[in-house]
Protein backbone atom coordinates (compact mmCIF):
# COMPACT_ATOMS: atom_id res chain seq x y z
CA MET A 1 -18.04 -43.47 66.14
CA ALA A 2 -18.17 -40.18 64.32
CA LEU A 3 -14.57 -40.72 63.36
CA LEU A 4 -15.37 -44.10 61.79
CA GLY A 5 -18.25 -42.66 59.71
CA THR A 6 -16.00 -39.88 58.38
CA ALA A 7 -13.28 -42.37 57.47
CA LEU A 8 -15.73 -44.56 55.55
CA SER A 9 -17.24 -41.66 53.62
CA ALA A 10 -13.76 -40.39 52.71
CA GLN A 11 -12.84 -43.76 51.15
CA GLN A 12 -15.86 -43.86 48.78
CA PRO A 13 -15.44 -41.90 45.54
CA PRO A 14 -18.23 -39.50 44.71
CA ALA A 15 -20.87 -40.88 42.37
CA PRO A 16 -20.61 -39.63 38.76
CA PRO A 17 -23.31 -37.17 37.79
CA LYS A 18 -26.33 -38.79 36.25
CA THR A 19 -26.74 -37.95 32.54
CA PRO A 20 -30.26 -38.23 31.16
CA PRO A 21 -30.55 -40.91 28.43
CA ALA A 22 -31.43 -38.27 25.81
CA GLN A 23 -28.11 -36.48 26.34
CA GLN A 24 -26.16 -39.72 26.20
CA GLN A 25 -27.53 -40.42 22.73
CA GLN A 26 -26.73 -36.93 21.44
CA GLN A 27 -23.07 -37.05 22.39
CA GLU A 28 -21.21 -38.87 19.66
CA PRO A 29 -17.52 -39.67 19.74
CA PRO A 30 -15.37 -37.41 17.57
CA GLU A 31 -14.90 -38.55 13.99
CA GLU A 32 -11.52 -40.18 13.51
CA ASP A 33 -11.50 -40.09 9.71
CA GLU A 34 -11.25 -36.42 8.68
CA SER A 35 -12.42 -37.20 5.13
CA VAL A 36 -15.81 -38.33 6.45
CA LYS A 37 -16.25 -35.33 8.72
CA PRO A 38 -18.75 -32.76 7.35
CA LYS A 39 -17.03 -29.77 5.81
CA GLU A 40 -17.44 -26.47 7.60
CA TYR A 41 -17.81 -23.40 5.42
CA THR A 42 -16.94 -19.84 6.33
CA LEU A 43 -17.21 -16.87 4.02
CA ASN A 44 -14.32 -17.16 1.57
CA PRO A 45 -14.91 -15.32 -1.74
CA ILE A 46 -11.48 -16.35 -3.07
CA GLU A 47 -12.26 -20.06 -2.62
CA ALA A 48 -15.69 -19.46 -4.15
CA GLN A 49 -14.13 -17.84 -7.21
CA LYS A 50 -11.68 -20.72 -7.58
CA ASN A 51 -14.64 -23.10 -7.66
CA VAL A 52 -16.47 -20.95 -10.23
CA VAL A 53 -13.39 -20.98 -12.50
CA ALA A 54 -13.09 -24.75 -12.12
CA GLY A 55 -16.81 -25.09 -12.80
CA ASP A 56 -16.45 -23.01 -15.96
CA TYR A 57 -13.67 -25.35 -17.13
CA TYR A 58 -15.82 -28.43 -16.60
CA PHE A 59 -18.85 -26.74 -18.17
CA LYS A 60 -16.89 -25.97 -21.35
CA LYS A 61 -15.66 -29.57 -21.45
CA GLY A 62 -19.24 -30.81 -21.25
CA LYS A 63 -18.79 -32.34 -17.81
CA LEU A 64 -21.97 -30.83 -16.45
CA GLN A 65 -22.19 -32.81 -13.21
CA ALA A 66 -18.64 -31.82 -12.26
CA ALA A 67 -19.40 -28.20 -13.17
CA ARG A 68 -22.57 -28.29 -11.09
CA SER A 69 -20.64 -29.65 -8.10
CA ARG A 70 -18.08 -26.85 -8.34
CA TYR A 71 -20.74 -24.14 -8.67
CA LEU A 72 -22.59 -25.58 -5.68
CA GLU A 73 -19.34 -25.59 -3.70
CA ALA A 74 -18.83 -21.93 -4.66
CA THR A 75 -22.27 -21.02 -3.28
CA LYS A 76 -21.32 -22.60 0.03
CA TRP A 77 -18.07 -20.62 0.28
CA ASP A 78 -19.83 -17.39 -0.69
CA PRO A 79 -23.63 -17.48 -0.30
CA GLY A 80 -23.77 -13.94 -1.68
CA SER A 81 -22.17 -14.81 -5.02
CA ALA A 82 -24.82 -14.10 -7.64
CA GLU A 83 -22.46 -15.36 -10.35
CA ALA A 84 -22.17 -18.78 -8.69
CA PHE A 85 -25.95 -19.11 -8.36
CA LEU A 86 -26.50 -18.09 -12.00
CA LYS A 87 -23.99 -20.65 -13.24
CA LEU A 88 -25.39 -23.30 -10.91
CA ALA A 89 -28.84 -22.63 -12.37
CA GLU A 90 -27.52 -22.91 -15.93
CA ALA A 91 -25.81 -26.22 -15.13
CA ASP A 92 -28.97 -27.55 -13.45
CA GLU A 93 -31.02 -26.50 -16.45
CA LYS A 94 -28.68 -28.36 -18.84
CA LEU A 95 -28.90 -31.40 -16.54
CA HIS A 96 -32.72 -31.21 -16.76
CA ASP A 97 -33.05 -30.48 -13.06
CA GLY A 98 -35.89 -27.97 -13.22
CA LYS A 99 -36.36 -27.75 -9.48
CA GLY A 100 -32.66 -27.07 -8.84
CA ALA A 101 -32.49 -24.55 -11.67
CA ARG A 102 -35.59 -22.78 -10.36
CA GLN A 103 -34.14 -22.47 -6.86
CA ALA A 104 -30.76 -21.22 -8.14
CA TYR A 105 -32.32 -18.70 -10.54
CA ALA A 106 -34.59 -17.42 -7.75
CA LYS A 107 -31.58 -16.96 -5.46
CA TYR A 108 -29.71 -15.19 -8.28
CA LEU A 109 -32.61 -12.76 -8.73
CA GLU A 110 -32.78 -12.24 -4.96
CA LEU A 111 -29.09 -11.32 -4.91
CA SER A 112 -29.14 -9.27 -8.13
CA PRO A 113 -32.67 -7.95 -8.70
CA GLY A 114 -31.42 -5.16 -10.99
CA ALA A 115 -29.17 -7.34 -13.17
CA LYS A 116 -29.17 -6.68 -16.93
CA ASN A 117 -30.45 -10.19 -17.59
CA ALA A 118 -33.13 -10.16 -14.86
CA ALA A 119 -36.03 -10.05 -17.34
CA GLU A 120 -34.55 -12.97 -19.27
CA ILE A 121 -34.10 -14.98 -16.06
CA ARG A 122 -37.68 -14.26 -14.96
CA LYS A 123 -38.87 -15.53 -18.34
CA LYS A 124 -36.81 -18.73 -17.87
CA LEU A 125 -38.27 -19.14 -14.38
CA SER A 126 -41.81 -18.96 -15.73
CA LYS A 127 -41.03 -21.82 -18.15
CA LEU A 128 -39.34 -24.12 -15.62
CA PRO A 129 -41.40 -26.84 -13.91
CA ASN A 130 -42.15 -26.49 -10.21
């Protein structure tokens, strides 16, 4: 009899581990379309500078939204780039985005508190809407 019980238990595959419903919802299949996948940023000052240069080009051409996008991209590649935040703030200001300009100017001052234009930037900040 013991032999029969062992033979039956050997034929049945082990039950899969139970996954709580919360974990099942969190696990999403991998994204197949790479263009839809969120971009991952690592510190890359060279890529940031390329975006600043491209932003400057668009800014001079009067394409402010494109310039803003490039400056924003530069801040993601190098979150310590005071230049990128200053230019992002200037583009936001020209686009009449007071909140965005305020945030970018504040970050610029945080990164470069002793900059030559710090007093001028603080004055601009006081005039921007919250």
